[in-house]
C-alpha atoms as a PDB file:
ATOM      1  CA  UNK A   1      -5.952 -24.784  15.829  1.00  0.00           C
ATOM      2  CA  UNK A   2      -7.632 -24.088  12.491  1.00  0.00           C
ATOM      3  CA  UNK A   3      -8.386 -20.505  13.558  1.00  0.00           C
ATOM      4  CA  UNK A   4      -4.785 -19.963  14.558  1.00  0.00           C
ATOM      5  CA  UNK A   5      -3.712 -21.385  11.219  1.00  0.00           C
ATOM      6  CA  UNK A   6      -5.875 -18.870   9.346  1.00  0.00           C
ATOM      7  CA  UNK A   7      -4.496 -16.017  11.457  1.00  0.00           C
ATOM      8  CA  UNK A   8      -0.950 -17.199  10.768  1.00  0.00           C
ATOM      9  CA  UNK A   9      -1.731 -17.201   7.051  1.00  0.00           C
ATOM     10  CA  UNK A  10      -2.822 -13.559   7.197  1.00  0.00           C
ATOM     11  CA  UNK A  11       0.194 -12.517   9.257  1.00  0.00           C
ATOM     12  CA  UNK A  12       2.908 -14.337   7.319  1.00  0.00           C
ATOM     13  CA  UNK A  13       1.707 -14.453   3.733  1.00  0.00           C
ATOM     14  CA  UNK A  14      -0.272 -11.216   3.556  1.00  0.00           C
ATOM     15  CA  UNK A  15       2.715  -8.917   3.237  1.00  0.00           C
ATOM     16  CA  UNK A  16       3.869 -10.705   0.089  1.00  0.00           C
ATOM     17  CA  UNK A  17       0.609 -10.147  -1.794  1.00  0.00           C
ATOM     18  CA  UNK A  18       1.217  -7.819  -4.715  1.00  0.00           C
ATOM     19  CA  UNK A  19      -1.586  -8.572  -7.192  1.00  0.00           C
ATOM     20  CA  UNK A  20      -4.055  -5.809  -7.989  1.00  0.00           C
ATOM     21  CA  UNK A  21      -7.111  -7.733  -6.826  1.00  0.00           C
ATOM     22  CA  UNK A  22      -7.440  -9.489  -3.500  1.00  0.00           C
ATOM     23  CA  UNK A  23      -7.312 -13.279  -3.869  1.00  0.00           C
ATOM     24  CA  UNK A  24     -10.406 -15.207  -2.919  1.00  0.00           C
ATOM     25  CA  UNK A  25      -9.808 -16.355   0.647  1.00  0.00           C
ATOM     26  CA  UNK A  26     -12.052 -18.965   2.216  1.00  0.00           C
ATOM     27  CA  UNK A  27     -14.270 -17.291   4.795  1.00  0.00           C
ATOM     28  CA  UNK A  28     -15.334 -20.437   6.630  1.00  0.00           C
ATOM     29  CA  UNK A  29     -15.333 -19.766  10.355  1.00  0.00           C
ATOM     30  CA  UNK A  30     -16.396 -16.128  10.010  1.00  0.00           C
ATOM     31  CA  UNK A  31     -19.611 -14.812  11.543  1.00  0.00           C
ATOM     32  CA  UNK A  32     -21.680 -12.112   9.834  1.00  0.00           C
ATOM     33  CA  UNK A  33     -22.004  -8.927  11.884  1.00  0.00           C
ATOM     34  CA  UNK A  34     -24.376  -7.455   9.281  1.00  0.00           C
ATOM     35  CA  UNK A  35     -27.217  -9.664   8.034  1.00  0.00           C
ATOM     36  CA  UNK A  36     -28.224  -7.515   5.057  1.00  0.00           C
ATOM     37  CA  UNK A  37     -31.748  -7.060   6.437  1.00  0.00           C
ATOM     38  CA  UNK A  38     -31.659  -4.907   9.564  1.00  0.00           C
ATOM     39  CA  UNK A  39     -29.425  -3.507  12.301  1.00  0.00           C
ATOM     40  CA  UNK A  40     -29.536  -6.591  14.517  1.00  0.00           C
ATOM     41  CA  UNK A  41     -26.399  -6.847  16.657  1.00  0.00           C
ATOM     42  CA  UNK A  42     -25.721  -3.100  16.632  1.00  0.00           C
ATOM     43  CA  UNK A  43     -26.601  -0.441  19.198  1.00  0.00           C
ATOM     44  CA  UNK A  44     -26.802   3.268  18.419  1.00  0.00           C
ATOM     45  CA  UNK A  45     -24.570   5.265  20.750  1.00  0.00           C
ATOM     46  CA  UNK A  46     -25.043   8.923  19.850  1.00  0.00           C
ATOM     47  CA  UNK A  47     -26.338   9.296  16.295  1.00  0.00           C
ATOM     48  CA  UNK A  48     -30.032   9.217  15.285  1.00  0.00           C
ATOM     49  CA  UNK A  49     -32.677   6.813  13.934  1.00  0.00           C
ATOM     50  CA  UNK A  50     -32.079   8.322  10.472  1.00  0.00           C
ATOM     51  CA  UNK A  51     -28.287   7.875  10.494  1.00  0.00           C
ATOM     52  CA  UNK A  52     -28.196   4.125   9.840  1.00  0.00           C
ATOM     53  CA  UNK A  53     -30.474   2.187   7.497  1.00  0.00           C
ATOM     54  CA  UNK A  54     -30.546  -0.917   5.323  1.00  0.00           C
ATOM     55  CA  UNK A  55     -31.227  -0.434   1.609  1.00  0.00           C
ATOM     56  CA  UNK A  56     -31.046  -3.206  -1.006  1.00  0.00           C
ATOM     57  CA  UNK A  57     -28.951  -5.348   1.311  1.00  0.00           C
ATOM     58  CA  UNK A  58     -26.480  -2.559   2.103  1.00  0.00           C
ATOM     59  CA  UNK A  59     -25.826  -0.867   5.428  1.00  0.00           C
ATOM     60  CA  UNK A  60     -26.136   2.857   4.663  1.00  0.00           C
ATOM     61  CA  UNK A  61     -24.759   5.595   6.910  1.00  0.00           C
ATOM     62  CA  UNK A  62     -25.902   9.142   6.124  1.00  0.00           C
ATOM     63  CA  UNK A  63     -22.914  10.684   7.923  1.00  0.00           C
ATOM     64  CA  UNK A  64     -25.101  12.902  10.113  1.00  0.00           C
ATOM     65  CA  UNK A  65     -24.834  13.558  12.966  1.00  0.00           C
ATOM     66  CA  UNK A  66     -21.250  12.736  13.901  1.00  0.00           C
ATOM     67  CA  UNK A  67     -21.132   9.721  16.188  1.00  0.00           C
ATOM     68  CA  UNK A  68     -21.001   5.921  16.259  1.00  0.00           C
ATOM     69  CA  UNK A  69     -22.989   2.768  16.678  1.00  0.00           C
ATOM     70  CA  UNK A  70     -21.426  -0.179  18.467  1.00  0.00           C
ATOM     71  CA  UNK A  71     -21.452  -3.955  18.512  1.00  0.00           C
ATOM     72  CA  UNK A  72     -23.488  -5.686  21.202  1.00  0.00           C
ATOM     73  CA  UNK A  73     -20.447  -7.510  22.579  1.00  0.00           C
ATOM     74  CA  UNK A  74     -16.772  -6.880  23.081  1.00  0.00           C
ATOM     75  CA  UNK A  75     -13.987  -8.557  21.104  1.00  0.00           C
ATOM     76  CA  UNK A  76     -10.357  -9.271  21.928  1.00  0.00           C
ATOM     77  CA  UNK A  77      -8.414 -11.193  19.282  1.00  0.00           C
ATOM     78  CA  UNK A  78     -10.003 -11.510  15.854  1.00  0.00           C
ATOM     79  CA  UNK A  79      -9.880 -11.153  12.077  1.00  0.00           C
ATOM     80  CA  UNK A  80     -12.371  -8.597  10.744  1.00  0.00           C
ATOM     81  CA  UNK A  81     -13.430  -8.215   7.112  1.00  0.00           C
ATOM     82  CA  UNK A  82     -15.158  -4.969   6.118  1.00  0.00           C
ATOM     83  CA  UNK A  83     -16.219  -3.967   2.604  1.00  0.00           C
ATOM     84  CA  UNK A  84     -17.148  -0.296   2.211  1.00  0.00           C
ATOM     85  CA  UNK A  85     -17.520   2.547  -0.281  1.00  0.00           C
ATOM     86  CA  UNK A  86     -17.837   6.304   0.098  1.00  0.00           C
ATOM     87  CA  UNK A  87     -20.511   8.135  -1.882  1.00  0.00           C
ATOM     88  CA  UNK A  88     -19.420  11.760  -1.332  1.00  0.00           C
ATOM     89  CA  UNK A  89     -16.180  13.537  -2.321  1.00  0.00           C
ATOM     90  CA  UNK A  90     -13.861  13.634   0.658  1.00  0.00           C
ATOM     91  CA  UNK A  91     -16.094  11.378   2.744  1.00  0.00           C
ATOM     92  CA  UNK A  92     -14.878  10.560   6.249  1.00  0.00           C
ATOM     93  CA  UNK A  93     -15.558   7.427   8.302  1.00  0.00           C
ATOM     94  CA  UNK A  94     -13.818   4.527   9.962  1.00  0.00           C
ATOM     95  CA  UNK A  95     -14.187   1.522  12.194  1.00  0.00           C
ATOM     96  CA  UNK A  96     -13.069   1.575  15.808  1.00  0.00           C
ATOM     97  CA  UNK A  97     -11.805  -1.632  17.394  1.00  0.00           C
ATOM     98  CA  UNK A  98     -11.059  -2.254  21.075  1.00  0.00           C
ATOM     99  CA  UNK A  99     -13.329   0.716  21.691  1.00  0.00           C
ATOM    100  CA  UNK A 100     -14.984   2.013  24.861  1.00  0.00           C
ATOM    101  CA  UNK A 101     -18.024   3.277  22.852  1.00  0.00           C
ATOM    102  CA  UNK A 102     -18.081   6.296  25.160  1.00  0.00           C
ATOM    103  CA  UNK A 103     -18.182   9.526  23.087  1.00  0.00           C
ATOM    104  CA  UNK A 104     -15.865  12.330  24.121  1.00  0.00           C
ATOM    105  CA  UNK A 105     -17.419  15.743  24.554  1.00  0.00           C
ATOM    106  CA  UNK A 106     -14.990  17.535  22.243  1.00  0.00           C
ATOM    107  CA  UNK A 107     -15.750  15.568  19.067  1.00  0.00           C
ATOM    108  CA  UNK A 108     -18.573  13.077  19.818  1.00  0.00           C
ATOM    109  CA  UNK A 109     -16.242  10.144  19.066  1.00  0.00           C
ATOM    110  CA  UNK A 110     -15.056   7.411  21.471  1.00  0.00           C
ATOM    111  CA  UNK A 111     -11.647   6.165  22.515  1.00  0.00           C
ATOM    112  CA  UNK A 112     -10.379   3.133  20.653  1.00  0.00           C
ATOM    113  CA  UNK A 113      -8.071   1.976  17.889  1.00  0.00           C
ATOM    114  CA  UNK A 114      -9.319   3.616  14.705  1.00  0.00           C
ATOM    115  CA  UNK A 115      -8.965   2.121  11.243  1.00  0.00           C
ATOM    116  CA  UNK A 116      -9.342   5.169   8.984  1.00  0.00           C
ATOM    117  CA  UNK A 117     -11.676   5.232   5.968  1.00  0.00           C
ATOM    118  CA  UNK A 118     -11.398   8.427   3.902  1.00  0.00           C
ATOM    119  CA  UNK A 119     -12.439   9.140   0.329  1.00  0.00           C
ATOM    120  CA  UNK A 120      -9.532   9.966  -2.001  1.00  0.00           C
ATOM    121  CA  UNK A 121     -10.509  13.620  -2.414  1.00  0.00           C
ATOM    122  CA  UNK A 122     -10.191  14.275   1.319  1.00  0.00           C
ATOM    123  CA  UNK A 123      -6.705  15.858   1.092  1.00  0.00           C
ATOM    124  CA  UNK A 124      -7.802  18.216  -1.711  1.00  0.00           C
ATOM    125  CA  UNK A 125     -10.799  19.390   0.319  1.00  0.00           C
ATOM    126  CA  UNK A 126      -8.908  19.699   3.615  1.00  0.00           C
ATOM    127  CA  UNK A 127      -5.701  21.539   2.779  1.00  0.00           C
ATOM    128  CA  UNK A 128      -3.367  22.830   5.444  1.00  0.00           C
ATOM    129  CA  UNK A 129      -3.460  26.556   6.259  1.00  0.00           C
ATOM    130  CA  UNK A 130      -0.511  27.166   3.920  1.00  0.00           C
ATOM    131  CA  UNK A 131      -2.398  25.552   1.035  1.00  0.00           C
ATOM    132  CA  UNK A 132      -0.359  22.357   0.929  1.00  0.00           C
ATOM    133  CA  UNK A 133      -1.994  18.942   0.736  1.00  0.00           C
ATOM    134  CA  UNK A 134      -2.121  16.449   3.599  1.00  0.00           C
ATOM    135  CA  UNK A 135      -0.312  13.201   2.712  1.00  0.00           C
ATOM    136  CA  UNK A 136      -2.273  10.689   0.651  1.00  0.00           C
ATOM    137  CA  UNK A 137      -1.162   8.080   3.196  1.00  0.00           C
ATOM    138  CA  UNK A 138      -3.718   9.602   5.564  1.00  0.00           C
ATOM    139  CA  UNK A 139      -6.556   8.444   3.318  1.00  0.00           C
ATOM    140  CA  UNK A 140      -6.106   4.759   2.855  1.00  0.00           C
ATOM    141  CA  UNK A 141      -6.111   3.125   6.235  1.00  0.00           C
ATOM    142  CA  UNK A 142      -4.168   5.033   8.840  1.00  0.00           C
ATOM    143  CA  UNK A 143      -4.142   3.282  12.196  1.00  0.00           C
ATOM    144  CA  UNK A 144      -4.114   5.280  15.400  1.00  0.00           C
ATOM    145  CA  UNK A 145      -5.169   5.345  19.004  1.00  0.00           C
ATOM    146  CA  UNK A 146      -8.123   7.725  19.287  1.00  0.00           C
ATOM    147  CA  UNK A 147      -8.892   9.533  22.510  1.00  0.00           C
ATOM    148  CA  UNK A 148      -7.060   7.990  25.446  1.00  0.00           C
ATOM    149  CA  UNK A 149      -5.746   4.935  23.569  1.00  0.00           C
ATOM    150  CA  UNK A 150      -2.008   4.834  22.895  1.00  0.00           C
ATOM    151  CA  UNK A 151       0.020   2.603  20.579  1.00  0.00           C
ATOM    152  CA  UNK A 152       3.368   2.363  18.759  1.00  0.00           C
ATOM    153  CA  UNK A 153       3.135   3.011  14.988  1.00  0.00           C
ATOM    154  CA  UNK A 154       5.183   0.805  12.676  1.00  0.00           C
ATOM    155  CA  UNK A 155       5.090   3.440   9.910  1.00  0.00           C
ATOM    156  CA  UNK A 156       5.026   6.654  11.954  1.00  0.00           C
ATOM    157  CA  UNK A 157       3.266   9.851  10.997  1.00  0.00           C
ATOM    158  CA  UNK A 158       3.450  11.405  14.415  1.00  0.00           C
ATOM    159  CA  UNK A 159       1.534   9.079  16.727  1.00  0.00           C
ATOM    160  CA  UNK A 160      -0.312   7.534  13.790  1.00  0.00           C
ATOM    161  CA  UNK A 161       0.784   4.708  11.528  1.00  0.00           C
ATOM    162  CA  UNK A 162       0.447   5.444   7.810  1.00  0.00           C
ATOM    163  CA  UNK A 163      -0.006   2.955   4.997  1.00  0.00           C
ATOM    164  CA  UNK A 164       3.063   2.263   2.877  1.00  0.00           C
ATOM    165  CA  UNK A 165       1.085   2.056  -0.381  1.00  0.00           C
ATOM    166  CA  UNK A 166      -2.106   3.720  -1.581  1.00  0.00           C
ATOM    167  CA  UNK A 167      -4.565   0.979  -2.577  1.00  0.00           C
ATOM    168  CA  UNK A 168      -7.913   2.639  -1.830  1.00  0.00           C
ATOM    169  CA  UNK A 169     -10.467   3.186  -4.580  1.00  0.00           C
ATOM    170  CA  UNK A 170     -12.476   6.418  -5.067  1.00  0.00           C
ATOM    171  CA  UNK A 171     -16.109   7.093  -4.182  1.00  0.00           C
ATOM    172  CA  UNK A 172     -18.619   4.680  -5.634  1.00  0.00           C
ATOM    173  CA  UNK A 173     -16.048   1.864  -5.729  1.00  0.00           C
ATOM    174  CA  UNK A 174     -15.882  -0.910  -3.141  1.00  0.00           C
ATOM    175  CA  UNK A 175     -12.888  -1.286  -0.836  1.00  0.00           C
ATOM    176  CA  UNK A 176     -12.054  -4.340   1.238  1.00  0.00           C
ATOM    177  CA  UNK A 177     -10.271  -4.137   4.578  1.00  0.00           C
ATOM    178  CA  UNK A 178      -8.956  -7.174   6.414  1.00  0.00           C
ATOM    179  CA  UNK A 179      -8.032  -6.276   9.986  1.00  0.00           C
ATOM    180  CA  UNK A 180      -6.016  -8.737  12.069  1.00  0.00           C
ATOM    181  CA  UNK A 181      -6.072  -7.737  15.743  1.00  0.00           C
ATOM    182  CA  UNK A 182      -4.117  -9.863  18.224  1.00  0.00           C
ATOM    183  CA  UNK A 183      -2.723  -9.000  21.673  1.00  0.00           C
ATOM    184  CA  UNK A 184      -2.424  -5.253  21.062  1.00  0.00           C
ATOM    185  CA  UNK A 185      -1.102  -5.522  17.495  1.00  0.00           C
ATOM    186  CA  UNK A 186      -3.195  -4.538  14.462  1.00  0.00           C
ATOM    187  CA  UNK A 187      -2.315  -5.316  10.840  1.00  0.00           C
ATOM    188  CA  UNK A 188      -4.380  -3.955   7.959  1.00  0.00           C
ATOM    189  CA  UNK A 189      -4.820  -5.277   4.429  1.00  0.00           C
ATOM    190  CA  UNK A 190      -6.283  -2.871   1.868  1.00  0.00           C
ATOM    191  CA  UNK A 191      -7.709  -4.443  -1.277  1.00  0.00           C
ATOM    192  CA  UNK A 192      -5.480  -7.487  -1.189  1.00  0.00           C
ATOM    193  CA  UNK A 193      -2.229  -6.372   0.401  1.00  0.00           C
ATOM    194  CA  UNK A 194      -1.076  -5.691   3.951  1.00  0.00           C
ATOM    195  CA  UNK A 195       0.093  -2.072   4.020  1.00  0.00           C
ATOM    196  CA  UNK A 196      -0.034  -0.923   7.642  1.00  0.00           C
ATOM    197  CA  UNK A 197       0.439  -2.036  11.240  1.00  0.00           C
ATOM    198  CA  UNK A 198       0.527  -0.682  14.773  1.00  0.00           C
ATOM    199  CA  UNK A 199       1.384  -2.358  18.073  1.00  0.00           C
ATOM    200  CA  UNK A 200       1.370  -2.178  21.852  1.00  0.00           C
ATOM    201  CA  UNK A 201      -2.145  -0.790  22.052  1.00  0.00           C
ATOM    202  CA  UNK A 202      -3.045   0.277  25.578  1.00  0.00           C
ATOM    203  CA  UNK A 203      -6.523  -1.256  25.101  1.00  0.00           C
ATOM    204  CA  UNK A 204      -6.776  -4.817  23.795  1.00  0.00           C
ATOM    205  CA  UNK A 205     -10.425  -5.724  24.274  1.00  0.00           C
ATOM    206  CA  UNK A 206     -13.532  -3.678  23.598  1.00  0.00           C
ATOM    207  CA  UNK A 207     -16.401  -2.930  21.249  1.00  0.00           C
ATOM    208  CA  UNK A 208     -16.445  -2.487  17.491  1.00  0.00           C
ATOM    209  CA  UNK A 209     -17.860   0.872  16.404  1.00  0.00           C
ATOM    210  CA  UNK A 210     -18.855   2.125  12.968  1.00  0.00           C
ATOM    211  CA  UNK A 211     -18.329   5.845  12.517  1.00  0.00           C
ATOM    212  CA  UNK A 212     -20.632   8.497  11.103  1.00  0.00           C
ATOM    213  CA  UNK A 213     -18.565  11.580  10.293  1.00  0.00           C
ATOM    214  CA  UNK A 214     -20.153  13.827   7.720  1.00  0.00           C
ATOM    215  CA  UNK A 215     -20.392  11.826   4.482  1.00  0.00           C
ATOM    216  CA  UNK A 216     -22.560   9.000   3.181  1.00  0.00           C
ATOM    217  CA  UNK A 217     -20.837   5.625   3.340  1.00  0.00           C
ATOM    218  CA  UNK A 218     -22.093   2.125   2.502  1.00  0.00           C
ATOM    219  CA  UNK A 219     -21.087  -1.225   3.972  1.00  0.00           C
ATOM    220  CA  UNK A 220     -21.948  -4.518   2.264  1.00  0.00           C
ATOM    221  CA  UNK A 221     -19.977  -7.040   4.287  1.00  0.00           C
ATOM    222  CA  UNK A 222     -18.888  -7.066   7.929  1.00  0.00           C
ATOM    223  CA  UNK A 223     -17.555 -10.436   9.094  1.00  0.00           C
ATOM    224  CA  UNK A 224     -15.498 -11.519  12.081  1.00  0.00           C
ATOM    225  CA  UNK A 225     -13.562 -14.589  13.162  1.00  0.00           C
ATOM    226  CA  UNK A 226     -12.807 -14.599  16.851  1.00  0.00           C
ATOM    227  CA  UNK A 227      -9.443 -16.035  17.861  1.00  0.00           C
ATOM    228  CA  UNK A 228      -8.413 -17.396  21.278  1.00  0.00           C
ATOM    229  CA  UNK A 229      -8.106 -14.762  23.992  1.00  0.00           C
ATOM    230  CA  UNK A 230      -4.695 -13.547  24.932  1.00  0.00           C
ATOM    231  CA  UNK A 231      -3.192 -10.842  27.060  1.00  0.00           C
ATOM    232  CA  UNK A 232      -6.074  -8.465  27.765  1.00  0.00           C
ATOM    233  CA  UNK A 233      -6.427  -7.853  31.484  1.00  0.00           C
ATOM    234  CA  UNK A 234      -8.756  -5.567  33.428  1.00  0.00           C
ATOM    235  CA  UNK A 235      -6.582  -2.525  32.746  1.00  0.00           C
ATOM    236  CA  UNK A 236      -6.469  -3.126  28.984  1.00  0.00           C
ATOM    237  CA  UNK A 237     -10.191  -3.953  28.627  1.00  0.00           C
ATOM    238  CA  UNK A 238     -12.809  -1.309  27.933  1.00  0.00           C
ATOM    239  CA  UNK A 239     -15.608  -1.040  30.538  1.00  0.00           C
ATOM    240  CA  UNK A 240     -18.613  -3.232  29.808  1.00  0.00           C
ATOM    241  CA  UNK A 241     -21.725  -1.242  28.879  1.00  0.00           C
ATOM    242  CA  UNK A 242     -25.339  -2.153  29.587  1.00  0.00           C
END
């Protein structure tokens, strides 16, 4: 009941948060997925021994080669806290939830629900062919079904859901994501305010994956609170890997 109460707090009160800094929320009941010492609990999928390292208590991703590492176990309903910072202009990364951890041949990335993490200069460095800038909403936490995963965006940009407010900080500054994932619905808080959501995900249970996609990114906190299981059946669960 206490876990459900915490989840209800995030769902109902999060959208009203408007202060510049995220309030201190009690993290009792969360489990660390990164211990600050080594890569225990994570399995490399298709990167390299040099891609992921631990330096001064931080999880460091070099960004090369493109690929992911995954959690040891699958998760269904949960609250995930991730604190991250890009170190390169236009850095690209993200966290996949409900993921199959099975890289696709065309881009080396798996199918899953992606929570986008881009550095603020990404639009400037990746202009459209006509010279115009991609929307800033792409940078700060777009939610979308990657690969074979489908979902219904609450703030549509095509098949993706864009954030309604830009709250991300530039390279070298820490960002805090709170991801609430329950029964196919995902809600994302960026630095203290819920700004995006997507629903009716075709996959509702799977692995967590951290993405390496070209730029150095650091993680200092990865915590999860599992919530009671819900509506994931065999069809909406990613295959279990050895």
